[in-house]
Amino acid sequence: MRLRRPNHVWLIVWVVFFSACGPDTIFLRPSLDTPAQHVKNGQGLLAQGKIDAAHNEFLRAKTLNDRYVPAYVGLALVQGARGNAAAGLELLERTRSMTVDSAEVEALEDGMIRLQKLQAGE
């Protein structure tokens, strides 16, 4: 004699089986789309010699906050890496008026020193 199972049991099994085989959920991480994170990414890319990718990261940081001094320092260093340290130094001079705290002034001065060394051929 054959046992009969109700149709709703098969329906439940079917739903559980096919919902378990779906694509993984993608969680967005808005904490990665910050000026500081893009500058950090850009610095790493610049150190690896990936100048265009670094330039894009610094531009994104500037787009997110147009008064974020480290983004301008990064853009100036990209200019220096492309062989135009004078343009980078000029950008940093224009950026000097945007500094609001000692950390920004220090980042700006560090960028200027690095560009001056590039310009001198060190």
PDB file of N, CA and C in Angstrom:
ATOM      1  N   MET A   1       0.826  -1.163   0.000  1.00  0.00           N
ATOM      2  CA  MET A   1       0.000   0.000   0.000  1.00  0.00           C
ATOM      3  C   MET A   1       0.890   1.253   0.000  1.00  0.00           C
ATOM      4  N   ARG A   2       0.541   2.181  -0.794  1.00  0.00           N
ATOM      5  CA  ARG A   2       1.348   3.383  -0.978  1.00  0.00           C
ATOM      6  C   ARG A   2       0.849   4.508  -0.078  1.00  0.00           C
ATOM      7  N   LEU A   3       1.830   5.210   0.588  1.00  0.00           N
ATOM      8  CA  LEU A   3       1.457   6.341   1.439  1.00  0.00           C
ATOM      9  C   LEU A   3       1.290   7.582   0.586  1.00  0.00           C
ATOM     10  N   ARG A   4       0.287   8.315   0.871  1.00  0.00           N
ATOM     11  CA  ARG A   4       0.043   9.555   0.139  1.00  0.00           C
ATOM     12  C   ARG A   4       0.479  10.745   0.997  1.00  0.00           C
ATOM     13  N   ARG A   5       1.281  11.571   0.412  1.00  0.00           N
ATOM     14  CA  ARG A   5       1.722  12.775   1.128  1.00  0.00           C
ATOM     15  C   ARG A   5       0.937  13.950   0.555  1.00  0.00           C
ATOM     16  N   PRO A   6       0.586  14.845   1.408  1.00  0.00           N
ATOM     17  CA  PRO A   6      -0.170  16.008   0.910  1.00  0.00           C
ATOM     18  C   PRO A   6       0.696  16.852  -0.022  1.00  0.00           C
ATOM     19  N   ASN A   7       0.058  17.526  -0.963  1.00  0.00           N
ATOM     20  CA  ASN A   7       0.764  18.346  -1.944  1.00  0.00           C
ATOM     21  C   ASN A   7       1.499  19.537  -1.311  1.00  0.00           C
ATOM     22  N   HIS A   8       0.985  20.026  -0.209  1.00  0.00           N
ATOM     23  CA  HIS A   8       1.636  21.186   0.401  1.00  0.00           C
ATOM     24  C   HIS A   8       3.022  20.847   0.945  1.00  0.00           C
ATOM     25  N   VAL A   9       3.275  19.596   1.300  1.00  0.00           N
ATOM     26  CA  VAL A   9       4.603  19.187   1.758  1.00  0.00           C
ATOM     27  C   VAL A   9       5.587  19.291   0.610  1.00  0.00           C
ATOM     28  N   TRP A  10       5.185  18.851  -0.575  1.00  0.00           N
ATOM     29  CA  TRP A  10       6.057  18.953  -1.741  1.00  0.00           C
ATOM     30  C   TRP A  10       6.297  20.414  -2.121  1.00  0.00           C
ATOM     31  N   LEU A  11       5.290  21.208  -1.965  1.00  0.00           N
ATOM     32  CA  LEU A  11       5.445  22.637  -2.254  1.00  0.00           C
ATOM     33  C   LEU A  11       6.482  23.266  -1.324  1.00  0.00           C
ATOM     34  N   ILE A  12       6.428  22.939  -0.069  1.00  0.00           N
ATOM     35  CA  ILE A  12       7.389  23.477   0.910  1.00  0.00           C
ATOM     36  C   ILE A  12       8.797  23.001   0.569  1.00  0.00           C
ATOM     37  N   VAL A  13       8.945  21.726   0.257  1.00  0.00           N
ATOM     38  CA  VAL A  13      10.248  21.186  -0.109  1.00  0.00           C
ATOM     39  C   VAL A  13      10.775  21.892  -1.346  1.00  0.00           C
ATOM     40  N   TRP A  14       9.937  22.105  -2.318  1.00  0.00           N
ATOM     41  CA  TRP A  14      10.339  22.772  -3.555  1.00  0.00           C
ATOM     42  C   TRP A  14      10.804  24.202  -3.288  1.00  0.00           C
ATOM     43  N   VAL A  15      10.053  24.951  -2.481  1.00  0.00           N
ATOM     44  CA  VAL A  15      10.401  26.345  -2.174  1.00  0.00           C
ATOM     45  C   VAL A  15      11.726  26.410  -1.413  1.00  0.00           C
ATOM     46  N   VAL A  16      11.913  25.559  -0.423  1.00  0.00           N
ATOM     47  CA  VAL A  16      13.142  25.562   0.356  1.00  0.00           C
ATOM     48  C   VAL A  16      14.335  25.207  -0.532  1.00  0.00           C
ATOM     49  N   PHE A  17      14.166  24.219  -1.379  1.00  0.00           N
ATOM     50  CA  PHE A  17      15.260  23.789  -2.245  1.00  0.00           C
ATOM     51  C   PHE A  17      15.682  24.893  -3.204  1.00  0.00           C
ATOM     52  N   PHE A  18      14.747  25.532  -3.866  1.00  0.00           N
ATOM     53  CA  PHE A  18      15.109  26.539  -4.856  1.00  0.00           C
ATOM     54  C   PHE A  18      15.514  27.872  -4.235  1.00  0.00           C
ATOM     55  N   SER A  19      15.046  28.179  -3.067  1.00  0.00           N
ATOM     56  CA  SER A  19      15.496  29.427  -2.433  1.00  0.00           C
ATOM     57  C   SER A  19      16.909  29.273  -1.875  1.00  0.00           C
ATOM     58  N   ALA A  20      17.303  28.061  -1.534  1.00  0.00           N
ATOM     59  CA  ALA A  20      18.652  27.817  -1.021  1.00  0.00           C
ATOM     60  C   ALA A  20      19.694  27.869  -2.134  1.00  0.00           C
ATOM     61  N   CYS A  21      19.273  27.742  -3.364  1.00  0.00           N
ATOM     62  CA  CYS A  21      20.210  27.712  -4.485  1.00  0.00           C
ATOM     63  C   CYS A  21      20.352  29.071  -5.163  1.00  0.00           C
ATOM     64  N   GLY A  22      19.817  30.108  -4.577  1.00  0.00           N
ATOM     65  CA  GLY A  22      19.874  31.433  -5.180  1.00  0.00           C
ATOM     66  C   GLY A  22      21.238  32.066  -5.032  1.00  0.00           C
ATOM     67  N   PRO A  23      21.419  33.219  -5.652  1.00  0.00           N
ATOM     68  CA  PRO A  23      22.714  33.906  -5.567  1.00  0.00           C
ATOM     69  C   PRO A  23      22.953  34.451  -4.162  1.00  0.00           C
ATOM     70  N   ASP A  24      24.222  34.611  -3.835  1.00  0.00           N
ATOM     71  CA  ASP A  24      24.579  35.176  -2.535  1.00  0.00           C
ATOM     72  C   ASP A  24      24.155  36.638  -2.477  1.00  0.00           C
ATOM     73  N   THR A  25      23.803  37.070  -1.310  1.00  0.00           N
ATOM     74  CA  THR A  25      23.422  38.457  -1.110  1.00  0.00           C
ATOM     75  C   THR A  25      24.675  39.323  -1.119  1.00  0.00           C
ATOM     76  N   ILE A  26      24.593  40.440  -1.796  1.00  0.00           N
ATOM     77  CA  ILE A  26      25.709  41.370  -1.854  1.00  0.00           C
ATOM     78  C   ILE A  26      25.415  42.518  -0.893  1.00  0.00           C
ATOM     79  N   PHE A  27      26.280  42.706   0.073  1.00  0.00           N
ATOM     80  CA  PHE A  27      26.116  43.791   1.027  1.00  0.00           C
ATOM     81  C   PHE A  27      27.005  44.950   0.607  1.00  0.00           C
ATOM     82  N   LEU A  28      26.422  46.105   0.480  1.00  0.00           N
ATOM     83  CA  LEU A  28      27.198  47.298   0.138  1.00  0.00           C
ATOM     84  C   LEU A  28      27.925  47.784   1.370  1.00  0.00           C
ATOM     85  N   ARG A  29      29.095  48.333   1.162  1.00  0.00           N
ATOM     86  CA  ARG A  29      29.887  48.851   2.270  1.00  0.00           C
ATOM     87  C   ARG A  29      30.136  50.327   2.048  1.00  0.00           C
ATOM     88  N   PRO A  30      29.202  51.165   2.493  1.00  0.00           N
ATOM     89  CA  PRO A  30      29.381  52.598   2.275  1.00  0.00           C
ATOM     90  C   PRO A  30      30.602  53.159   2.993  1.00  0.00           C
ATOM     91  N   SER A  31      31.118  52.440   3.977  1.00  0.00           N
ATOM     92  CA  SER A  31      32.300  52.942   4.685  1.00  0.00           C
ATOM     93  C   SER A  31      33.545  52.917   3.801  1.00  0.00           C
ATOM     94  N   LEU A  32      33.474  52.232   2.660  1.00  0.00           N
ATOM     95  CA  LEU A  32      34.624  52.190   1.757  1.00  0.00           C
ATOM     96  C   LEU A  32      34.605  53.337   0.754  1.00  0.00           C
ATOM     97  N   ASP A  33      33.507  54.065   0.675  1.00  0.00           N
ATOM     98  CA  ASP A  33      33.407  55.181  -0.270  1.00  0.00           C
ATOM     99  C   ASP A  33      33.543  56.503   0.476  1.00  0.00           C
ATOM    100  N   THR A  34      34.690  56.657   1.130  1.00  0.00           N
ATOM    101  CA  THR A  34      34.978  57.892   1.856  1.00  0.00           C
ATOM    102  C   THR A  34      36.230  58.521   1.267  1.00  0.00           C
ATOM    103  N   PRO A  35      36.403  59.821   1.413  1.00  0.00           N
ATOM    104  CA  PRO A  35      37.625  60.453   0.911  1.00  0.00           C
ATOM    105  C   PRO A  35      38.889  59.831   1.496  1.00  0.00           C
ATOM    106  N   ALA A  36      38.865  59.535   2.785  1.00  0.00           N
ATOM    107  CA  ALA A  36      40.050  58.968   3.426  1.00  0.00           C
ATOM    108  C   ALA A  36      40.396  57.602   2.833  1.00  0.00           C
ATOM    109  N   GLN A  37      39.381  56.778   2.578  1.00  0.00           N
ATOM    110  CA  GLN A  37      39.639  55.456   2.011  1.00  0.00           C
ATOM    111  C   GLN A  37      40.180  55.557   0.588  1.00  0.00           C
ATOM    112  N   HIS A  38      39.638  56.486  -0.193  1.00  0.00           N
ATOM    113  CA  HIS A  38      40.125  56.647  -1.561  1.00  0.00           C
ATOM    114  C   HIS A  38      41.551  57.187  -1.595  1.00  0.00           C
ATOM    115  N   VAL A  39      41.883  58.068  -0.667  1.00  0.00           N
ATOM    116  CA  VAL A  39      43.261  58.563  -0.591  1.00  0.00           C
ATOM    117  C   VAL A  39      44.202  57.431  -0.197  1.00  0.00           C
ATOM    118  N   LYS A  40      43.779  56.616   0.753  1.00  0.00           N
ATOM    119  CA  LYS A  40      44.601  55.471   1.163  1.00  0.00           C
ATOM    120  C   LYS A  40      44.820  54.521  -0.016  1.00  0.00           C
ATOM    121  N   ASN A  41      43.742  54.246  -0.753  1.00  0.00           N
ATOM    122  CA  ASN A  41      43.871  53.391  -1.937  1.00  0.00           C
ATOM    123  C   ASN A  41      44.820  54.022  -2.959  1.00  0.00           C
ATOM    124  N   GLY A  42      44.662  55.326  -3.169  1.00  0.00           N
ATOM    125  CA  GLY A  42      45.502  56.034  -4.131  1.00  0.00           C
ATOM    126  C   GLY A  42      46.964  56.005  -3.747  1.00  0.00           C
ATOM    127  N   GLN A  43      47.251  56.150  -2.468  1.00  0.00           N
ATOM    128  CA  GLN A  43      48.645  56.108  -2.022  1.00  0.00           C
ATOM    129  C   GLN A  43      49.258  54.740  -2.274  1.00  0.00           C
ATOM    130  N   GLY A  44      48.481  53.694  -2.021  1.00  0.00           N
ATOM    131  CA  GLY A  44      48.979  52.344  -2.284  1.00  0.00           C
ATOM    132  C   GLY A  44      49.231  52.113  -3.762  1.00  0.00           C
ATOM    133  N   LEU A  45      48.301  52.576  -4.585  1.00  0.00           N
ATOM    134  CA  LEU A  45      48.464  52.421  -6.031  1.00  0.00           C
ATOM    135  C   LEU A  45      49.649  53.228  -6.549  1.00  0.00           C
ATOM    136  N   LEU A  46      49.834  54.417  -5.995  1.00  0.00           N
ATOM    137  CA  LEU A  46      50.968  55.252  -6.401  1.00  0.00           C
ATOM    138  C   LEU A  46      52.286  54.578  -6.039  1.00  0.00           C
ATOM    139  N   ALA A  47      52.330  53.950  -4.873  1.00  0.00           N
ATOM    140  CA  ALA A  47      53.539  53.239  -4.452  1.00  0.00           C
ATOM    141  C   ALA A  47      53.838  52.053  -5.362  1.00  0.00           C
ATOM    142  N   GLN A  48      52.795  51.485  -5.965  1.00  0.00           N
ATOM    143  CA  GLN A  48      52.970  50.357  -6.887  1.00  0.00           C
ATOM    144  C   GLN A  48      53.268  50.816  -8.311  1.00  0.00           C
ATOM    145  N   GLY A  49      53.249  52.116  -8.529  1.00  0.00           N
ATOM    146  CA  GLY A  49      53.513  52.640  -9.863  1.00  0.00           C
ATOM    147  C   GLY A  49      52.287  52.673 -10.760  1.00  0.00           C
ATOM    148  N   LYS A  50      51.116  52.471 -10.207  1.00  0.00           N
ATOM    149  CA  LYS A  50      49.867  52.493 -10.975  1.00  0.00           C
ATOM    150  C   LYS A  50      49.306  53.920 -10.926  1.00  0.00           C
ATOM    151  N   ILE A  51      49.908  54.772 -11.716  1.00  0.00           N
ATOM    152  CA  ILE A  51      49.660  56.210 -11.632  1.00  0.00           C
ATOM    153  C   ILE A  51      48.234  56.579 -12.042  1.00  0.00           C
ATOM    154  N   ASP A  52      47.741  56.012 -13.132  1.00  0.00           N
ATOM    155  CA  ASP A  52      46.395  56.361 -13.585  1.00  0.00           C
ATOM    156  C   ASP A  52      45.334  55.910 -12.593  1.00  0.00           C
ATOM    157  N   ALA A  53      45.497  54.720 -12.042  1.00  0.00           N
ATOM    158  CA  ALA A  53      44.539  54.225 -11.053  1.00  0.00           C
ATOM    159  C   ALA A  53      44.591  55.081  -9.788  1.00  0.00           C
ATOM    160  N   ALA A  54      45.787  55.482  -9.383  1.00  0.00           N
ATOM    161  CA  ALA A  54      45.933  56.356  -8.216  1.00  0.00           C
ATOM    162  C   ALA A  54      45.259  57.696  -8.479  1.00  0.00           C
ATOM    163  N   HIS A  55      45.451  58.217  -9.676  1.00  0.00           N
ATOM    164  CA  HIS A  55      44.834  59.489 -10.051  1.00  0.00           C
ATOM    165  C   HIS A  55      43.313  59.396  -9.914  1.00  0.00           C
ATOM    166  N   ASN A  56      42.737  58.300 -10.371  1.00  0.00           N
ATOM    167  CA  ASN A  56      41.283  58.114 -10.263  1.00  0.00           C
ATOM    168  C   ASN A  56      40.823  58.061  -8.812  1.00  0.00           C
ATOM    169  N   GLU A  57      41.601  57.417  -7.961  1.00  0.00           N
ATOM    170  CA  GLU A  57      41.242  57.351  -6.536  1.00  0.00           C
ATOM    171  C   GLU A  57      41.286  58.733  -5.896  1.00  0.00           C
ATOM    172  N   PHE A  58      42.326  59.505  -6.205  1.00  0.00           N
ATOM    173  CA  PHE A  58      42.422  60.850  -5.633  1.00  0.00           C
ATOM    174  C   PHE A  58      41.301  61.752  -6.154  1.00  0.00           C
ATOM    175  N   LEU A  59      40.946  61.585  -7.420  1.00  0.00           N
ATOM    176  CA  LEU A  59      39.833  62.364  -7.972  1.00  0.00           C
ATOM    177  C   LEU A  59      38.519  62.021  -7.284  1.00  0.00           C
ATOM    178  N   ARG A  60      38.313  60.721  -6.995  1.00  0.00           N
ATOM    179  CA  ARG A  60      37.086  60.315  -6.309  1.00  0.00           C
ATOM    180  C   ARG A  60      37.039  60.936  -4.916  1.00  0.00           C
ATOM    181  N   ALA A  61      38.168  60.946  -4.221  1.00  0.00           N
ATOM    182  CA  ALA A  61      38.216  61.558  -2.892  1.00  0.00           C
ATOM    183  C   ALA A  61      37.878  63.038  -2.977  1.00  0.00           C
ATOM    184  N   LYS A  62      38.409  63.708  -3.995  1.00  0.00           N
ATOM    185  CA  LYS A  62      38.132  65.136  -4.190  1.00  0.00           C
ATOM    186  C   LYS A  62      36.661  65.368  -4.535  1.00  0.00           C
ATOM    187  N   THR A  63      36.078  64.452  -5.302  1.00  0.00           N
ATOM    188  CA  THR A  63      34.665  64.568  -5.657  1.00  0.00           C
ATOM    189  C   THR A  63      33.786  64.434  -4.416  1.00  0.00           C
ATOM    190  N   LEU A  64      34.153  63.531  -3.531  1.00  0.00           N
ATOM    191  CA  LEU A  64      33.361  63.331  -2.311  1.00  0.00           C
ATOM    192  C   LEU A  64      33.481  64.508  -1.347  1.00  0.00           C
ATOM    193  N   ASN A  65      34.661  65.138  -1.327  1.00  0.00           N
ATOM    194  CA  ASN A  65      34.869  66.302  -0.455  1.00  0.00           C
ATOM    195  C   ASN A  65      35.885  67.211  -1.133  1.00  0.00           C
ATOM    196  N   ASP A  66      35.386  68.283  -1.723  1.00  0.00           N
ATOM    197  CA  ASP A  66      36.270  69.155  -2.515  1.00  0.00           C
ATOM    198  C   ASP A  66      37.219  69.998  -1.662  1.00  0.00           C
ATOM    199  N   ARG A  67      37.159  69.867  -0.351  1.00  0.00           N
ATOM    200  CA  ARG A  67      38.091  70.582   0.524  1.00  0.00           C
ATOM    201  C   ARG A  67      38.973  69.606   1.310  1.00  0.00           C
ATOM    202  N   TYR A  68      39.064  68.383   0.829  1.00  0.00           N
ATOM    203  CA  TYR A  68      39.870  67.356   1.503  1.00  0.00           C
ATOM    204  C   TYR A  68      41.314  67.464   1.022  1.00  0.00           C
ATOM    205  N   VAL A  69      42.147  68.072   1.838  1.00  0.00           N
ATOM    206  CA  VAL A  69      43.528  68.399   1.480  1.00  0.00           C
ATOM    207  C   VAL A  69      44.346  67.174   1.054  1.00  0.00           C
ATOM    208  N   PRO A  70      44.250  66.022   1.738  1.00  0.00           N
ATOM    209  CA  PRO A  70      45.042  64.871   1.292  1.00  0.00           C
ATOM    210  C   PRO A  70      44.744  64.427  -0.145  1.00  0.00           C
ATOM    211  N   ALA A  71      43.540  64.674  -0.628  1.00  0.00           N
ATOM    212  CA  ALA A  71      43.227  64.347  -2.027  1.00  0.00           C
ATOM    213  C   ALA A  71      44.054  65.219  -2.970  1.00  0.00           C
ATOM    214  N   TYR A  72      44.190  66.495  -2.632  1.00  0.00           N
ATOM    215  CA  TYR A  72      44.990  67.403  -3.452  1.00  0.00           C
ATOM    216  C   TYR A  72      46.477  67.054  -3.380  1.00  0.00           C
ATOM    217  N   VAL A  73      46.920  66.629  -2.210  1.00  0.00           N
ATOM    218  CA  VAL A  73      48.314  66.199  -2.076  1.00  0.00           C
ATOM    219  C   VAL A  73      48.552  64.999  -2.986  1.00  0.00           C
ATOM    220  N   GLY A  74      47.609  64.070  -2.994  1.00  0.00           N
ATOM    221  CA  GLY A  74      47.729  62.908  -3.868  1.00  0.00           C
ATOM    222  C   GLY A  74      47.749  63.292  -5.332  1.00  0.00           C
ATOM    223  N   LEU A  75      46.877  64.206  -5.714  1.00  0.00           N
ATOM    224  CA  LEU A  75      46.851  64.667  -7.111  1.00  0.00           C
ATOM    225  C   LEU A  75      48.171  65.340  -7.488  1.00  0.00           C
ATOM    226  N   ALA A  76      48.746  66.083  -6.548  1.00  0.00           N
ATOM    227  CA  ALA A  76      50.036  66.733  -6.808  1.00  0.00           C
ATOM    228  C   ALA A  76      51.140  65.695  -6.966  1.00  0.00           C
ATOM    229  N   LEU A  77      51.100  64.644  -6.141  1.00  0.00           N
ATOM    230  CA  LEU A  77      52.104  63.593  -6.255  1.00  0.00           C
ATOM    231  C   LEU A  77      51.962  62.828  -7.566  1.00  0.00           C
ATOM    232  N   VAL A  78      50.745  62.694  -8.052  1.00  0.00           N
ATOM    233  CA  VAL A  78      50.530  62.074  -9.362  1.00  0.00           C
ATOM    234  C   VAL A  78      51.181  62.939 -10.441  1.00  0.00           C
ATOM    235  N   GLN A  79      51.022  64.258 -10.323  1.00  0.00           N
ATOM    236  CA  GLN A  79      51.676  65.159 -11.286  1.00  0.00           C
ATOM    237  C   GLN A  79      53.187  64.955 -11.258  1.00  0.00           C
ATOM    238  N   GLY A  80      53.731  64.829 -10.053  1.00  0.00           N
ATOM    239  CA  GLY A  80      55.163  64.598  -9.925  1.00  0.00           C
ATOM    240  C   GLY A  80      55.584  63.265 -10.521  1.00  0.00           C
ATOM    241  N   ALA A  81      54.786  62.237 -10.304  1.00  0.00           N
ATOM    242  CA  ALA A  81      55.107  60.918 -10.860  1.00  0.00           C
ATOM    243  C   ALA A  81      55.034  60.922 -12.381  1.00  0.00           C
ATOM    244  N   ARG A  82      54.238  61.815 -12.917  1.00  0.00           N
ATOM    245  CA  ARG A  82      54.130  61.932 -14.374  1.00  0.00           C
ATOM    246  C   ARG A  82      55.221  62.839 -14.945  1.00  0.00           C
ATOM    247  N   GLY A  83      56.093  63.325 -14.089  1.00  0.00           N
ATOM    248  CA  GLY A  83      57.213  64.132 -14.558  1.00  0.00           C
ATOM    249  C   GLY A  83      56.965  65.626 -14.534  1.00  0.00           C
ATOM    250  N   ASN A  84      55.913  66.056 -13.876  1.00  0.00           N
ATOM    251  CA  ASN A  84      55.587  67.474 -13.835  1.00  0.00           C
ATOM    252  C   ASN A  84      55.489  67.934 -12.381  1.00  0.00           C
ATOM    253  N   ALA A  85      56.605  67.862 -11.674  1.00  0.00           N
ATOM    254  CA  ALA A  85      56.626  68.229 -10.263  1.00  0.00           C
ATOM    255  C   ALA A  85      56.286  69.697 -10.051  1.00  0.00           C
ATOM    256  N   ALA A  86      56.628  70.548 -11.000  1.00  0.00           N
ATOM    257  CA  ALA A  86      56.329  71.985 -10.865  1.00  0.00           C
ATOM    258  C   ALA A  86      54.823  72.214 -10.793  1.00  0.00           C
ATOM    259  N   ALA A  87      54.063  71.506 -11.624  1.00  0.00           N
ATOM    260  CA  ALA A  87      52.608  71.647 -11.588  1.00  0.00           C
ATOM    261  C   ALA A  87      52.057  71.120 -10.262  1.00  0.00           C
ATOM    262  N   GLY A  88      52.662  70.061  -9.739  1.00  0.00           N
ATOM    263  CA  GLY A  88      52.241  69.532  -8.449  1.00  0.00           C
ATOM    264  C   GLY A  88      52.497  70.516  -7.323  1.00  0.00           C
ATOM    265  N   LEU A  89      53.659  71.157  -7.355  1.00  0.00           N
ATOM    266  CA  LEU A  89      53.975  72.163  -6.339  1.00  0.00           C
ATOM    267  C   LEU A  89      53.029  73.355  -6.428  1.00  0.00           C
ATOM    268  N   GLU A  90      52.685  73.740  -7.645  1.00  0.00           N
ATOM    269  CA  GLU A  90      51.731  74.842  -7.829  1.00  0.00           C
ATOM    270  C   GLU A  90      50.363  74.479  -7.257  1.00  0.00           C
ATOM    271  N   LEU A  91      49.932  73.245  -7.473  1.00  0.00           N
ATOM    272  CA  LEU A  91      48.655  72.788  -6.928  1.00  0.00           C
ATOM    273  C   LEU A  91      48.673  72.825  -5.400  1.00  0.00           C
ATOM    274  N   LEU A  92      49.786  72.407  -4.819  1.00  0.00           N
ATOM    275  CA  LEU A  92      49.883  72.431  -3.358  1.00  0.00           C
ATOM    276  C   LEU A  92      49.893  73.851  -2.809  1.00  0.00           C
ATOM    277  N   GLU A  93      50.515  74.767  -3.509  1.00  0.00           N
ATOM    278  CA  GLU A  93      50.499  76.171  -3.068  1.00  0.00           C
ATOM    279  C   GLU A  93      49.067  76.716  -3.058  1.00  0.00           C
ATOM    280  N   ARG A  94      48.290  76.364  -4.095  1.00  0.00           N
ATOM    281  CA  ARG A  94      46.887  76.810  -4.138  1.00  0.00           C
ATOM    282  C   ARG A  94      46.052  76.128  -3.051  1.00  0.00           C
ATOM    283  N   THR A  95      46.454  74.935  -2.670  1.00  0.00           N
ATOM    284  CA  THR A  95      45.714  74.157  -1.668  1.00  0.00           C
ATOM    285  C   THR A  95      45.991  74.650  -0.254  1.00  0.00           C
ATOM    286  N   ARG A  96      47.107  75.323  -0.070  1.00  0.00           N
ATOM    287  CA  ARG A  96      47.509  75.765   1.277  1.00  0.00           C
ATOM    288  C   ARG A  96      46.403  76.537   1.998  1.00  0.00           C
ATOM    289  N   SER A  97      45.616  77.303   1.280  1.00  0.00           N
ATOM    290  CA  SER A  97      44.553  78.104   1.909  1.00  0.00           C
ATOM    291  C   SER A  97      43.408  77.246   2.436  1.00  0.00           C
ATOM    292  N   MET A  98      43.338  75.982   2.033  1.00  0.00           N
ATOM    293  CA  MET A  98      42.248  75.108   2.486  1.00  0.00           C
ATOM    294  C   MET A  98      42.576  74.374   3.774  1.00  0.00           C
ATOM    295  N   THR A  99      43.826  74.408   4.227  1.00  0.00           N
ATOM    296  CA  THR A  99      44.192  73.651   5.419  1.00  0.00           C
ATOM    297  C   THR A  99      43.504  74.241   6.645  1.00  0.00           C
ATOM    298  N   VAL A 100      43.001  73.336   7.495  1.00  0.00           N
ATOM    299  CA  VAL A 100      42.293  73.795   8.688  1.00  0.00           C
ATOM    300  C   VAL A 100      42.903  73.274   9.985  1.00  0.00           C
ATOM    301  N   ASP A 101      43.741  72.248   9.897  1.00  0.00           N
ATOM    302  CA  ASP A 101      44.355  71.746  11.123  1.00  0.00           C
ATOM    303  C   ASP A 101      45.806  71.344  10.858  1.00  0.00           C
ATOM    304  N   SER A 102      46.485  70.999  11.929  1.00  0.00           N
ATOM    305  CA  SER A 102      47.910  70.701  11.812  1.00  0.00           C
ATOM    306  C   SER A 102      48.179  69.433  11.002  1.00  0.00           C
ATOM    307  N   ALA A 103      47.267  68.476  11.012  1.00  0.00           N
ATOM    308  CA  ALA A 103      47.465  67.249  10.234  1.00  0.00           C
ATOM    309  C   ALA A 103      47.447  67.559   8.738  1.00  0.00           C
ATOM    310  N   GLU A 104      46.565  68.450   8.337  1.00  0.00           N
ATOM    311  CA  GLU A 104      46.502  68.833   6.930  1.00  0.00           C
ATOM    312  C   GLU A 104      47.737  69.622   6.513  1.00  0.00           C
ATOM    313  N   VAL A 105      48.192  70.506   7.390  1.00  0.00           N
ATOM    314  CA  VAL A 105      49.408  71.280   7.102  1.00  0.00           C
ATOM    315  C   VAL A 105      50.595  70.331   6.976  1.00  0.00           C
ATOM    316  N   GLU A 106      50.666  69.347   7.867  1.00  0.00           N
ATOM    317  CA  GLU A 106      51.758  68.376   7.828  1.00  0.00           C
ATOM    318  C   GLU A 106      51.713  67.551   6.534  1.00  0.00           C
ATOM    319  N   ALA A 107      50.519  67.119   6.124  1.00  0.00           N
ATOM    320  CA  ALA A 107      50.378  66.346   4.878  1.00  0.00           C
ATOM    321  C   ALA A 107      50.803  67.200   3.684  1.00  0.00           C
ATOM    322  N   LEU A 108      50.427  68.464   3.710  1.00  0.00           N
ATOM    323  CA  LEU A 108      50.788  69.381   2.626  1.00  0.00           C
ATOM    324  C   LEU A 108      52.304  69.576   2.568  1.00  0.00           C
ATOM    325  N   GLU A 109      52.914  69.803   3.714  1.00  0.00           N
ATOM    326  CA  GLU A 109      54.373  69.998   3.757  1.00  0.00           C
ATOM    327  C   GLU A 109      55.112  68.734   3.310  1.00  0.00           C
ATOM    328  N   ASP A 110      54.617  67.573   3.730  1.00  0.00           N
ATOM    329  CA  ASP A 110      55.228  66.314   3.321  1.00  0.00           C
ATOM    330  C   ASP A 110      55.145  66.148   1.801  1.00  0.00           C
ATOM    331  N   GLY A 111      53.996  66.485   1.234  1.00  0.00           N
ATOM    332  CA  GLY A 111      53.831  66.410  -0.219  1.00  0.00           C
ATOM    333  C   GLY A 111      54.785  67.351  -0.940  1.00  0.00           C
ATOM    334  N   MET A 112      54.964  68.549  -0.388  1.00  0.00           N
ATOM    335  CA  MET A 112      55.877  69.516  -1.007  1.00  0.00           C
ATOM    336  C   MET A 112      57.315  69.015  -0.972  1.00  0.00           C
ATOM    337  N   ILE A 113      57.705  68.431   0.141  1.00  0.00           N
ATOM    338  CA  ILE A 113      59.072  67.898   0.250  1.00  0.00           C
ATOM    339  C   ILE A 113      59.280  66.779  -0.768  1.00  0.00           C
ATOM    340  N   ARG A 114      58.309  65.899  -0.881  1.00  0.00           N
ATOM    341  CA  ARG A 114      58.434  64.788  -1.839  1.00  0.00           C
ATOM    342  C   ARG A 114      58.516  65.304  -3.276  1.00  0.00           C
ATOM    343  N   LEU A 115      57.713  66.317  -3.585  1.00  0.00           N
ATOM    344  CA  LEU A 115      57.740  66.870  -4.941  1.00  0.00           C
ATOM    345  C   LEU A 115      59.049  67.616  -5.219  1.00  0.00           C
ATOM    346  N   GLN A 116      59.564  68.324  -4.224  1.00  0.00           N
ATOM    347  CA  GLN A 116      60.830  69.020  -4.414  1.00  0.00           C
ATOM    348  C   GLN A 116      61.963  68.029  -4.657  1.00  0.00           C
ATOM    349  N   LYS A 117      61.917  66.881  -3.975  1.00  0.00           N
ATOM    350  CA  LYS A 117      62.921  65.844  -4.208  1.00  0.00           C
ATOM    351  C   LYS A 117      62.778  65.282  -5.632  1.00  0.00           C
ATOM    352  N   LEU A 118      61.540  65.087  -6.078  1.00  0.00           N
ATOM    353  CA  LEU A 118      61.330  64.608  -7.446  1.00  0.00           C
ATOM    354  C   LEU A 118      61.859  65.616  -8.459  1.00  0.00           C
ATOM    355  N   GLN A 119      61.607  66.893  -8.179  1.00  0.00           N
ATOM    356  CA  GLN A 119      62.039  67.954  -9.088  1.00  0.00           C
ATOM    357  C   GLN A 119      63.553  68.043  -9.144  1.00  0.00           C
ATOM    358  N   ALA A 120      64.198  67.777  -8.007  1.00  0.00           N
ATOM    359  CA  ALA A 120      65.665  67.835  -7.955  1.00  0.00           C
ATOM    360  C   ALA A 120      66.294  66.576  -8.548  1.00  0.00           C
ATOM    361  N   GLY A 121      65.470  65.575  -8.809  1.00  0.00           N
ATOM    362  CA  GLY A 121      65.976  64.350  -9.426  1.00  0.00           C
ATOM    363  C   GLY A 121      66.483  63.322  -8.444  1.00  0.00           C
ATOM    364  N   GLU A 122      66.071  63.387  -7.223  1.00  0.00           N
ATOM    365  CA  GLU A 122      66.517  62.420  -6.197  1.00  0.00           C
ATOM    366  C   GLU A 122      65.693  61.159  -6.269  1.00  0.00           C
TER     367      GLU A 122
END
